[in-house]
Amino acid sequence: MGSCQRCFRGHNGPVSTLSDKLLGDGNGNIFASGGVDATVRLWSLSSSGKRGQHALKATLYGHEKPVRVWDTTASSAVRSSCCVGATSVPGAPVGMKCHESLVYIAAGSCVVAIDLRTMQKVFSAAIRQGELHSFTILPSKCLIGGGGTDRALIWDVRRSGETLLELDGHNGAVTQLHMDPYKIVTGGPDDFYVSVWETDTGTLTNSLFCGPHDTISDSGCSAMAVKGCQIVTASCGEELGLICYRDFTNAACRVSSDENGLASKFWGSQSYSDSDDYSG
């Protein structure tokens, strides 16, 4: 079993979120954490001390408005000195992604884009019913995606928020959403399967059971991680939790995505077997 290498102490309450990317130039990487104490704290991974006594580099205070922009190089001695911009969005944010000078925020039933240089809204797209449960972006194709109830939506930023794809067929909230240049993967707690779609056409190319095929599960997808041809899904039923890892790197049976027989970037379920050996 793995052992704890470092412990970072400083929040006055539970930690509710962690940054998924490190800040810095590689010589002194920093990660961020946010907690119910309404602070964001920056920690250095290169500091000394196993308990992280000297790891805390800055504490960012104040969230009267849901969205704030902080200068991580400024001193946090004065509580307001690090905040360089603030704005509001409709509803509680469920996801946020930055690309170049824009920050995309999913909140309530819509996605808005804020220009960080002016803190003004420059783009918005909304679902017709319900609220968003998940959110992602694909800058290389100028696409943003949101998971709603019973379906996921893909919008084209270049077309003023026009709905490009509607991925229907889900049960309940779509809380898991991944998008890359080849595929979109969607799932939720009320679905026994995660669905794989072509990014360009929205064609459903595969449905993958959330657990091993020889196990009966009474719940859907509670967590998901996707990297290239590797997909990990997690589900949690009344009696046990299941984590299923699939690696399609060496799959040979491609799915035909249209009547012309063009091969998709994903593969048929018959090319996967629970008995196969996979390298991690």
C-alpha atoms as a PDB file:
ATOM      1  CA  MET A   1       0.000   0.000   0.000  1.00  0.00           C
ATOM      2  CA  GLY A   2       1.113   3.569  -0.685  1.00  0.00           C
ATOM      3  CA  SER A   3       2.204   5.889   2.106  1.00  0.00           C
ATOM      4  CA  CYS A   4       1.598   9.616   2.533  1.00  0.00           C
ATOM      5  CA  GLN A   5       4.645  11.562   1.334  1.00  0.00           C
ATOM      6  CA  ARG A   6       3.553  15.087   2.264  1.00  0.00           C
ATOM      7  CA  CYS A   7       0.822  16.664   4.355  1.00  0.00           C
ATOM      8  CA  PHE A   8      -0.301  20.264   3.805  1.00  0.00           C
ATOM      9  CA  ARG A   9      -2.091  21.919   6.719  1.00  0.00           C
ATOM     10  CA  GLY A  10      -3.661  25.366   6.793  1.00  0.00           C
ATOM     11  CA  HIS A  11      -7.355  25.346   5.838  1.00  0.00           C
ATOM     12  CA  ASN A  12      -9.853  26.100   8.592  1.00  0.00           C
ATOM     13  CA  GLY A  13     -12.292  23.427   7.502  1.00  0.00           C
ATOM     14  CA  PRO A  14     -12.772  20.750   4.839  1.00  0.00           C
ATOM     15  CA  VAL A  15     -10.921  21.058   1.514  1.00  0.00           C
ATOM     16  CA  SER A  16     -13.478  20.955  -1.297  1.00  0.00           C
ATOM     17  CA  THR A  17     -11.342  21.259  -4.443  1.00  0.00           C
ATOM     18  CA  LEU A  18      -7.790  20.868  -5.757  1.00  0.00           C
ATOM     19  CA  SER A  19      -6.221  22.288  -8.908  1.00  0.00           C
ATOM     20  CA  ASP A  20      -5.644  19.677 -11.614  1.00  0.00           C
ATOM     21  CA  LYS A  21      -2.560  21.478 -12.966  1.00  0.00           C
ATOM     22  CA  LEU A  22       0.634  22.720 -11.346  1.00  0.00           C
ATOM     23  CA  LEU A  23       1.673  26.353 -11.480  1.00  0.00           C
ATOM     24  CA  GLY A  24       5.245  27.489 -11.965  1.00  0.00           C
ATOM     25  CA  ASP A  25       8.131  26.923 -14.363  1.00  0.00           C
ATOM     26  CA  GLY A  26       9.049  23.441 -13.192  1.00  0.00           C
ATOM     27  CA  ASN A  27      11.705  24.527 -10.684  1.00  0.00           C
ATOM     28  CA  GLY A  28       9.231  25.282  -7.905  1.00  0.00           C
ATOM     29  CA  ASN A  29       5.876  23.806  -8.804  1.00  0.00           C
ATOM     30  CA  ILE A  30       2.847  25.075  -6.896  1.00  0.00           C
ATOM     31  CA  PHE A  31      -0.629  23.636  -6.568  1.00  0.00           C
ATOM     32  CA  ALA A  32      -3.820  25.274  -5.318  1.00  0.00           C
ATOM     33  CA  SER A  33      -6.509  24.112  -2.921  1.00  0.00           C
ATOM     34  CA  GLY A  34      -9.889  25.578  -2.051  1.00  0.00           C
ATOM     35  CA  GLY A  35     -11.958  25.010   1.060  1.00  0.00           C
ATOM     36  CA  VAL A  36     -15.215  25.789   2.798  1.00  0.00           C
ATOM     37  CA  ASP A  37     -13.326  28.503   4.724  1.00  0.00           C
ATOM     38  CA  ALA A  38     -13.745  30.612   1.535  1.00  0.00           C
ATOM     39  CA  THR A  39     -10.009  30.726   0.830  1.00  0.00           C
ATOM     40  CA  VAL A  40      -7.750  29.483  -1.934  1.00  0.00           C
ATOM     41  CA  ARG A  41      -4.275  28.487  -0.767  1.00  0.00           C
ATOM     42  CA  LEU A  42      -1.131  28.050  -2.851  1.00  0.00           C
ATOM     43  CA  TRP A  43       1.353  25.369  -1.783  1.00  0.00           C
ATOM     44  CA  SER A  44       4.911  24.699  -2.901  1.00  0.00           C
ATOM     45  CA  LEU A  45       5.873  21.107  -3.630  1.00  0.00           C
ATOM     46  CA  SER A  46       9.577  21.929  -3.269  1.00  0.00           C
ATOM     47  CA  SER A  47       9.401  23.230   0.304  1.00  0.00           C
ATOM     48  CA  SER A  48      10.997  21.386   3.214  1.00  0.00           C
ATOM     49  CA  GLY A  49       9.149  19.724   6.075  1.00  0.00           C
ATOM     50  CA  LYS A  50       6.991  16.629   5.797  1.00  0.00           C
ATOM     51  CA  ARG A  51       4.000  18.346   7.374  1.00  0.00           C
ATOM     52  CA  GLY A  52       4.203  21.290   5.011  1.00  0.00           C
ATOM     53  CA  GLN A  53       4.969  23.920   7.634  1.00  0.00           C
ATOM     54  CA  HIS A  54       6.824  26.030   5.073  1.00  0.00           C
ATOM     55  CA  ALA A  55       4.817  24.997   2.022  1.00  0.00           C
ATOM     56  CA  LEU A  56       2.062  27.644   2.200  1.00  0.00           C
ATOM     57  CA  LYS A  57       3.044  30.445  -0.190  1.00  0.00           C
ATOM     58  CA  ALA A  58      -0.134  32.514  -0.392  1.00  0.00           C
ATOM     59  CA  THR A  59      -3.702  32.647   0.906  1.00  0.00           C
ATOM     60  CA  LEU A  60      -6.344  34.240  -1.325  1.00  0.00           C
ATOM     61  CA  TYR A  61      -9.309  35.644   0.579  1.00  0.00           C
ATOM     62  CA  GLY A  62     -12.776  36.853  -0.316  1.00  0.00           C
ATOM     63  CA  HIS A  63     -15.448  35.377  -2.563  1.00  0.00           C
ATOM     64  CA  GLU A  64     -18.309  37.862  -2.393  1.00  0.00           C
ATOM     65  CA  LYS A  65     -18.588  37.348  -6.143  1.00  0.00           C
ATOM     66  CA  PRO A  66     -18.461  33.792  -7.553  1.00  0.00           C
ATOM     67  CA  VAL A  67     -15.580  34.477  -9.977  1.00  0.00           C
ATOM     68  CA  ARG A  68     -12.340  36.165  -8.979  1.00  0.00           C
ATOM     69  CA  VAL A  69      -8.991  36.538 -10.734  1.00  0.00           C
ATOM     70  CA  TRP A  70      -5.857  36.479  -8.567  1.00  0.00           C
ATOM     71  CA  ASP A  71      -2.264  37.514  -9.167  1.00  0.00           C
ATOM     72  CA  THR A  72      -0.312  34.569  -7.738  1.00  0.00           C
ATOM     73  CA  THR A  73       2.934  36.603  -7.715  1.00  0.00           C
ATOM     74  CA  ALA A  74       1.545  39.324  -5.443  1.00  0.00           C
ATOM     75  CA  SER A  75       1.889  39.302  -1.676  1.00  0.00           C
ATOM     76  CA  SER A  76      -1.109  38.070   0.302  1.00  0.00           C
ATOM     77  CA  ALA A  77      -0.276  40.194   3.361  1.00  0.00           C
ATOM     78  CA  VAL A  78      -3.125  42.546   2.412  1.00  0.00           C
ATOM     79  CA  ARG A  79      -6.227  40.480   1.757  1.00  0.00           C
ATOM     80  CA  SER A  80      -7.387  42.447  -1.281  1.00  0.00           C
ATOM     81  CA  SER A  81      -3.988  42.979  -2.915  1.00  0.00           C
ATOM     82  CA  CYS A  82      -3.973  39.698  -4.869  1.00  0.00           C
ATOM     83  CA  CYS A  83      -7.426  40.113  -6.413  1.00  0.00           C
ATOM     84  CA  VAL A  84      -7.193  41.835  -9.793  1.00  0.00           C
ATOM     85  CA  GLY A  85     -10.720  41.249 -11.065  1.00  0.00           C
ATOM     86  CA  ALA A  86     -14.156  39.925 -10.138  1.00  0.00           C
ATOM     87  CA  THR A  87     -17.463  39.217 -11.844  1.00  0.00           C
ATOM     88  CA  SER A  88     -20.738  37.375 -11.296  1.00  0.00           C
ATOM     89  CA  VAL A  89     -22.378  34.498 -13.144  1.00  0.00           C
ATOM     90  CA  PRO A  90     -25.979  33.237 -12.959  1.00  0.00           C
ATOM     91  CA  GLY A  91     -26.051  30.437 -10.404  1.00  0.00           C
ATOM     92  CA  ALA A  92     -23.394  28.398  -8.630  1.00  0.00           C
ATOM     93  CA  PRO A  93     -20.465  27.408 -10.910  1.00  0.00           C
ATOM     94  CA  VAL A  94     -20.203  23.674 -11.684  1.00  0.00           C
ATOM     95  CA  GLY A  95     -17.097  23.921 -13.865  1.00  0.00           C
ATOM     96  CA  MET A  96     -14.464  26.384 -15.030  1.00  0.00           C
ATOM     97  CA  LYS A  97     -11.760  26.204 -17.717  1.00  0.00           C
ATOM     98  CA  CYS A  98      -9.205  28.768 -18.866  1.00  0.00           C
ATOM     99  CA  HIS A  99      -7.753  29.133 -22.358  1.00  0.00           C
ATOM    100  CA  GLU A 100      -5.509  32.044 -23.295  1.00  0.00           C
ATOM    101  CA  SER A 101      -7.290  35.266 -22.217  1.00  0.00           C
ATOM    102  CA  LEU A 102     -10.722  33.679 -21.718  1.00  0.00           C
ATOM    103  CA  VAL A 103     -12.231  31.788 -18.811  1.00  0.00           C
ATOM    104  CA  TYR A 104     -15.258  29.599 -19.551  1.00  0.00           C
ATOM    105  CA  ILE A 105     -17.656  29.074 -16.651  1.00  0.00           C
ATOM    106  CA  ALA A 106     -20.611  26.685 -16.479  1.00  0.00           C
ATOM    107  CA  ALA A 107     -23.218  27.858 -13.989  1.00  0.00           C
ATOM    108  CA  GLY A 108     -26.921  27.209 -13.721  1.00  0.00           C
ATOM    109  CA  SER A 109     -28.231  26.460 -17.205  1.00  0.00           C
ATOM    110  CA  CYS A 110     -25.592  28.260 -19.279  1.00  0.00           C
ATOM    111  CA  VAL A 111     -21.898  28.566 -20.121  1.00  0.00           C
ATOM    112  CA  VAL A 112     -20.377  32.036 -20.239  1.00  0.00           C
ATOM    113  CA  ALA A 113     -16.964  33.189 -21.433  1.00  0.00           C
ATOM    114  CA  ILE A 114     -15.258  36.061 -19.594  1.00  0.00           C
ATOM    115  CA  ASP A 115     -12.383  38.070 -21.057  1.00  0.00           C
ATOM    116  CA  LEU A 116      -9.810  38.190 -18.243  1.00  0.00           C
ATOM    117  CA  ARG A 117      -8.392  41.457 -19.552  1.00  0.00           C
ATOM    118  CA  THR A 118     -11.675  43.336 -19.119  1.00  0.00           C
ATOM    119  CA  MET A 119     -13.732  40.947 -16.932  1.00  0.00           C
ATOM    120  CA  GLN A 120     -16.566  41.365 -19.441  1.00  0.00           C
ATOM    121  CA  LYS A 121     -18.781  38.596 -20.819  1.00  0.00           C
ATOM    122  CA  VAL A 122     -18.028  37.903 -24.489  1.00  0.00           C
ATOM    123  CA  PHE A 123     -19.967  34.698 -25.113  1.00  0.00           C
ATOM    124  CA  SER A 124     -22.813  32.616 -23.688  1.00  0.00           C
ATOM    125  CA  ALA A 125     -24.660  29.401 -24.527  1.00  0.00           C
ATOM    126  CA  ALA A 126     -27.550  27.812 -22.679  1.00  0.00           C
ATOM    127  CA  ILE A 127     -29.454  24.570 -22.466  1.00  0.00           C
ATOM    128  CA  ARG A 128     -33.209  24.800 -22.962  1.00  0.00           C
ATOM    129  CA  GLN A 129     -34.269  22.905 -19.841  1.00  0.00           C
ATOM    130  CA  GLY A 130     -32.752  22.099 -16.466  1.00  0.00           C
ATOM    131  CA  GLU A 131     -29.245  22.822 -15.253  1.00  0.00           C
ATOM    132  CA  LEU A 132     -25.726  21.838 -16.230  1.00  0.00           C
ATOM    133  CA  HIS A 133     -24.066  19.032 -14.277  1.00  0.00           C
ATOM    134  CA  SER A 134     -20.684  18.847 -16.063  1.00  0.00           C
ATOM    135  CA  PHE A 135     -18.566  20.917 -18.405  1.00  0.00           C
ATOM    136  CA  THR A 136     -15.480  20.738 -20.619  1.00  0.00           C
ATOM    137  CA  ILE A 137     -13.850  22.555 -23.545  1.00  0.00           C
ATOM    138  CA  LEU A 138     -11.875  21.562 -26.637  1.00  0.00           C
ATOM    139  CA  PRO A 139      -9.928  24.671 -27.745  1.00  0.00           C
ATOM    140  CA  SER A 140      -8.370  22.996 -30.808  1.00  0.00           C
ATOM    141  CA  LYS A 141     -11.835  22.670 -32.368  1.00  0.00           C
ATOM    142  CA  CYS A 142     -13.412  25.733 -30.675  1.00  0.00           C
ATOM    143  CA  LEU A 143     -15.938  23.498 -28.920  1.00  0.00           C
ATOM    144  CA  ILE A 144     -17.455  23.591 -25.460  1.00  0.00           C
ATOM    145  CA  GLY A 145     -19.591  20.853 -23.961  1.00  0.00           C
ATOM    146  CA  GLY A 146     -22.088  20.632 -21.145  1.00  0.00           C
ATOM    147  CA  GLY A 147     -23.852  17.734 -19.505  1.00  0.00           C
ATOM    148  CA  GLY A 148     -27.511  18.345 -18.768  1.00  0.00           C
ATOM    149  CA  THR A 149     -30.375  16.010 -17.866  1.00  0.00           C
ATOM    150  CA  ASP A 150     -30.822  13.019 -20.213  1.00  0.00           C
ATOM    151  CA  ARG A 151     -28.393  14.476 -22.760  1.00  0.00           C
ATOM    152  CA  ALA A 152     -25.149  16.377 -23.380  1.00  0.00           C
ATOM    153  CA  LEU A 153     -24.788  19.396 -25.645  1.00  0.00           C
ATOM    154  CA  ILE A 154     -21.821  20.568 -27.715  1.00  0.00           C
ATOM    155  CA  TRP A 155     -21.569  24.201 -28.794  1.00  0.00           C
ATOM    156  CA  ASP A 156     -19.361  25.873 -31.410  1.00  0.00           C
ATOM    157  CA  VAL A 157     -17.761  29.046 -30.064  1.00  0.00           C
ATOM    158  CA  ARG A 158     -17.262  30.371 -33.599  1.00  0.00           C
ATOM    159  CA  ARG A 159     -21.016  30.269 -34.258  1.00  0.00           C
ATOM    160  CA  SER A 160     -22.110  32.451 -31.341  1.00  0.00           C
ATOM    161  CA  GLY A 161     -23.087  29.546 -29.153  1.00  0.00           C
ATOM    162  CA  GLU A 162     -24.994  27.590 -31.765  1.00  0.00           C
ATOM    163  CA  THR A 163     -25.757  24.034 -30.641  1.00  0.00           C
ATOM    164  CA  LEU A 164     -23.608  21.782 -32.799  1.00  0.00           C
ATOM    165  CA  LEU A 165     -24.493  18.371 -31.340  1.00  0.00           C
ATOM    166  CA  GLU A 166     -27.147  16.947 -29.028  1.00  0.00           C
ATOM    167  CA  LEU A 167     -26.088  13.632 -27.524  1.00  0.00           C
ATOM    168  CA  ASP A 168     -29.343  12.054 -26.404  1.00  0.00           C
ATOM    169  CA  GLY A 169     -30.162   8.742 -24.774  1.00  0.00           C
ATOM    170  CA  HIS A 170     -28.966   9.158 -21.208  1.00  0.00           C
ATOM    171  CA  ASN A 171     -30.928   8.542 -18.033  1.00  0.00           C
ATOM    172  CA  GLY A 172     -30.784  11.409 -15.569  1.00  0.00           C
ATOM    173  CA  ALA A 173     -27.909  13.823 -15.033  1.00  0.00           C
ATOM    174  CA  VAL A 174     -24.822  13.622 -17.243  1.00  0.00           C
ATOM    175  CA  THR A 175     -22.191  14.266 -14.586  1.00  0.00           C
ATOM    176  CA  GLN A 176     -19.176  12.803 -16.450  1.00  0.00           C
ATOM    177  CA  LEU A 177     -18.021  14.429 -19.680  1.00  0.00           C
ATOM    178  CA  HIS A 178     -14.764  14.057 -21.628  1.00  0.00           C
ATOM    179  CA  MET A 179     -14.008  15.532 -25.057  1.00  0.00           C
ATOM    180  CA  ASP A 180     -10.935  15.197 -27.291  1.00  0.00           C
ATOM    181  CA  PRO A 181     -10.423  15.639 -31.069  1.00  0.00           C
ATOM    182  CA  TYR A 182     -11.678  12.097 -31.782  1.00  0.00           C
ATOM    183  CA  LYS A 183     -14.302  11.209 -29.205  1.00  0.00           C
ATOM    184  CA  ILE A 184     -16.715  12.410 -26.556  1.00  0.00           C
ATOM    185  CA  VAL A 185     -17.339  10.185 -23.537  1.00  0.00           C
ATOM    186  CA  THR A 186     -20.416  10.758 -21.368  1.00  0.00           C
ATOM    187  CA  GLY A 187     -21.946   9.075 -18.337  1.00  0.00           C
ATOM    188  CA  GLY A 188     -23.871   9.597 -15.140  1.00  0.00           C
ATOM    189  CA  PRO A 189     -24.962   7.968 -11.882  1.00  0.00           C
ATOM    190  CA  ASP A 190     -28.280   6.789 -13.328  1.00  0.00           C
ATOM    191  CA  ASP A 191     -26.750   5.168 -16.443  1.00  0.00           C
ATOM    192  CA  PHE A 192     -25.355   1.625 -16.374  1.00  0.00           C
ATOM    193  CA  TYR A 193     -23.254   2.476 -19.459  1.00  0.00           C
ATOM    194  CA  VAL A 194     -20.906   5.240 -20.536  1.00  0.00           C
ATOM    195  CA  SER A 195     -21.384   6.340 -24.130  1.00  0.00           C
ATOM    196  CA  VAL A 196     -18.652   7.086 -26.666  1.00  0.00           C
ATOM    197  CA  TRP A 197     -19.464   9.490 -29.538  1.00  0.00           C
ATOM    198  CA  GLU A 198     -17.560  10.836 -32.543  1.00  0.00           C
ATOM    199  CA  THR A 199     -16.554  14.437 -31.937  1.00  0.00           C
ATOM    200  CA  ASP A 200     -17.084  15.561 -35.541  1.00  0.00           C
ATOM    201  CA  THR A 201     -20.465  13.919 -36.191  1.00  0.00           C
ATOM    202  CA  GLY A 202     -21.987  13.025 -32.832  1.00  0.00           C
ATOM    203  CA  THR A 203     -22.355   9.413 -33.961  1.00  0.00           C
ATOM    204  CA  LEU A 204     -22.638   6.933 -31.082  1.00  0.00           C
ATOM    205  CA  THR A 205     -19.771   4.486 -31.595  1.00  0.00           C
ATOM    206  CA  ASN A 206     -19.825   2.474 -28.389  1.00  0.00           C
ATOM    207  CA  SER A 207     -21.554   1.874 -25.047  1.00  0.00           C
ATOM    208  CA  LEU A 208     -19.367   0.501 -22.273  1.00  0.00           C
ATOM    209  CA  PHE A 209     -20.721  -1.136 -19.124  1.00  0.00           C
ATOM    210  CA  CYS A 210     -19.546   0.686 -16.004  1.00  0.00           C
ATOM    211  CA  GLY A 211     -18.259  -2.513 -14.389  1.00  0.00           C
ATOM    212  CA  PRO A 212     -16.904  -5.914 -15.421  1.00  0.00           C
ATOM    213  CA  HIS A 213     -19.276  -7.784 -17.752  1.00  0.00           C
ATOM    214  CA  ASP A 214     -19.690 -10.685 -15.327  1.00  0.00           C
ATOM    215  CA  THR A 215     -20.771  -8.417 -12.463  1.00  0.00           C
ATOM    216  CA  ILE A 216     -24.303  -7.177 -11.902  1.00  0.00           C
ATOM    217  CA  SER A 217     -24.227  -3.519 -10.909  1.00  0.00           C
ATOM    218  CA  ASP A 218     -27.169  -1.492  -9.660  1.00  0.00           C
ATOM    219  CA  SER A 219     -25.622   1.932 -10.179  1.00  0.00           C
ATOM    220  CA  GLY A 220     -24.118   3.964 -12.956  1.00  0.00           C
ATOM    221  CA  CYS A 221     -20.924   5.906 -13.470  1.00  0.00           C
ATOM    222  CA  SER A 222     -19.813   7.868 -10.405  1.00  0.00           C
ATOM    223  CA  ALA A 223     -16.364   8.861 -11.737  1.00  0.00           C
ATOM    224  CA  MET A 224     -14.449   8.622 -15.000  1.00  0.00           C
ATOM    225  CA  ALA A 225     -10.952   9.249 -16.345  1.00  0.00           C
ATOM    226  CA  VAL A 226     -10.013   9.163 -20.042  1.00  0.00           C
ATOM    227  CA  LYS A 227      -6.573   9.385 -21.635  1.00  0.00           C
ATOM    228  CA  GLY A 228      -6.305   8.528 -25.301  1.00  0.00           C
ATOM    229  CA  CYS A 229      -7.465   4.943 -25.768  1.00  0.00           C
ATOM    230  CA  GLN A 230      -7.579   4.254 -22.024  1.00  0.00           C
ATOM    231  CA  ILE A 231     -10.836   4.635 -20.101  1.00  0.00           C
ATOM    232  CA  VAL A 232     -11.377   4.130 -16.374  1.00  0.00           C
ATOM    233  CA  THR A 233     -14.893   4.124 -14.950  1.00  0.00           C
ATOM    234  CA  ALA A 234     -16.005   3.860 -11.343  1.00  0.00           C
ATOM    235  CA  SER A 235     -19.383   2.893  -9.949  1.00  0.00           C
ATOM    236  CA  CYS A 236     -20.618   2.317  -6.451  1.00  0.00           C
ATOM    237  CA  GLY A 237     -23.570   0.055  -5.666  1.00  0.00           C
ATOM    238  CA  GLU A 238     -25.201  -0.890  -2.404  1.00  0.00           C
ATOM    239  CA  GLU A 239     -22.706  -3.676  -1.681  1.00  0.00           C
ATOM    240  CA  LEU A 240     -19.455  -2.852  -3.483  1.00  0.00           C
ATOM    241  CA  GLY A 241     -17.611  -0.293  -5.518  1.00  0.00           C
ATOM    242  CA  LEU A 242     -16.274  -1.165  -8.953  1.00  0.00           C
ATOM    243  CA  ILE A 243     -13.393   0.334 -10.937  1.00  0.00           C
ATOM    244  CA  CYS A 244     -13.083  -0.843 -14.533  1.00  0.00           C
ATOM    245  CA  TYR A 245     -10.012  -0.127 -16.668  1.00  0.00           C
ATOM    246  CA  ARG A 246     -10.112  -0.575 -20.447  1.00  0.00           C
ATOM    247  CA  ASP A 247      -7.213  -0.113 -22.836  1.00  0.00           C
ATOM    248  CA  PHE A 248      -8.088   0.022 -26.547  1.00  0.00           C
ATOM    249  CA  THR A 249      -4.554   0.865 -27.670  1.00  0.00           C
ATOM    250  CA  ASN A 250      -4.068  -2.441 -29.491  1.00  0.00           C
ATOM    251  CA  ALA A 251      -7.699  -2.925 -30.539  1.00  0.00           C
ATOM    252  CA  ALA A 252      -8.132  -4.056 -34.140  1.00  0.00           C
ATOM    253  CA  CYS A 253     -11.886  -4.110 -34.803  1.00  0.00           C
ATOM    254  CA  ARG A 254     -12.806  -0.521 -35.662  1.00  0.00           C
ATOM    255  CA  VAL A 255     -16.366   0.784 -35.769  1.00  0.00           C
ATOM    256  CA  SER A 256     -17.725   1.853 -39.147  1.00  0.00           C
ATOM    257  CA  SER A 257     -19.162   5.316 -38.577  1.00  0.00           C
ATOM    258  CA  ASP A 258     -21.072   5.730 -41.830  1.00  0.00           C
ATOM    259  CA  GLU A 259     -22.363   3.871 -44.861  1.00  0.00           C
ATOM    260  CA  ASN A 260     -19.124   4.505 -46.735  1.00  0.00           C
ATOM    261  CA  GLY A 261     -17.292   2.333 -44.239  1.00  0.00           C
ATOM    262  CA  LEU A 262     -14.954   5.013 -42.914  1.00  0.00           C
ATOM    263  CA  ALA A 263     -13.359   3.805 -39.692  1.00  0.00           C
ATOM    264  CA  SER A 264     -13.930   5.723 -36.493  1.00  0.00           C
ATOM    265  CA  LYS A 265     -11.196   6.424 -33.951  1.00  0.00           C
ATOM    266  CA  PHE A 266     -12.915   4.144 -31.465  1.00  0.00           C
ATOM    267  CA  TRP A 267     -13.543   0.423 -31.481  1.00  0.00           C
ATOM    268  CA  GLY A 268     -16.288  -2.171 -31.235  1.00  0.00           C
ATOM    269  CA  SER A 269     -16.976  -3.787 -27.892  1.00  0.00           C
ATOM    270  CA  GLN A 270     -16.207  -7.210 -29.371  1.00  0.00           C
ATOM    271  CA  SER A 271     -12.526  -6.208 -29.482  1.00  0.00           C
ATOM    272  CA  TYR A 272     -12.457  -6.004 -25.688  1.00  0.00           C
ATOM    273  CA  SER A 273     -12.330  -8.923 -23.286  1.00  0.00           C
ATOM    274  CA  ASP A 274     -12.141  -8.926 -19.488  1.00  0.00           C
ATOM    275  CA  SER A 275      -9.625 -11.771 -19.727  1.00  0.00           C
ATOM    276  CA  ASP A 276      -7.151  -9.780 -21.795  1.00  0.00           C
ATOM    277  CA  ASP A 277      -3.930  -8.609 -20.176  1.00  0.00           C
ATOM    278  CA  TYR A 278      -3.302  -4.888 -20.208  1.00  0.00           C
ATOM    279  CA  SER A 279      -0.187  -2.945 -19.399  1.00  0.00           C
ATOM    280  CA  GLY A 280      -0.652  -0.078 -16.963  1.00  0.00           C
END
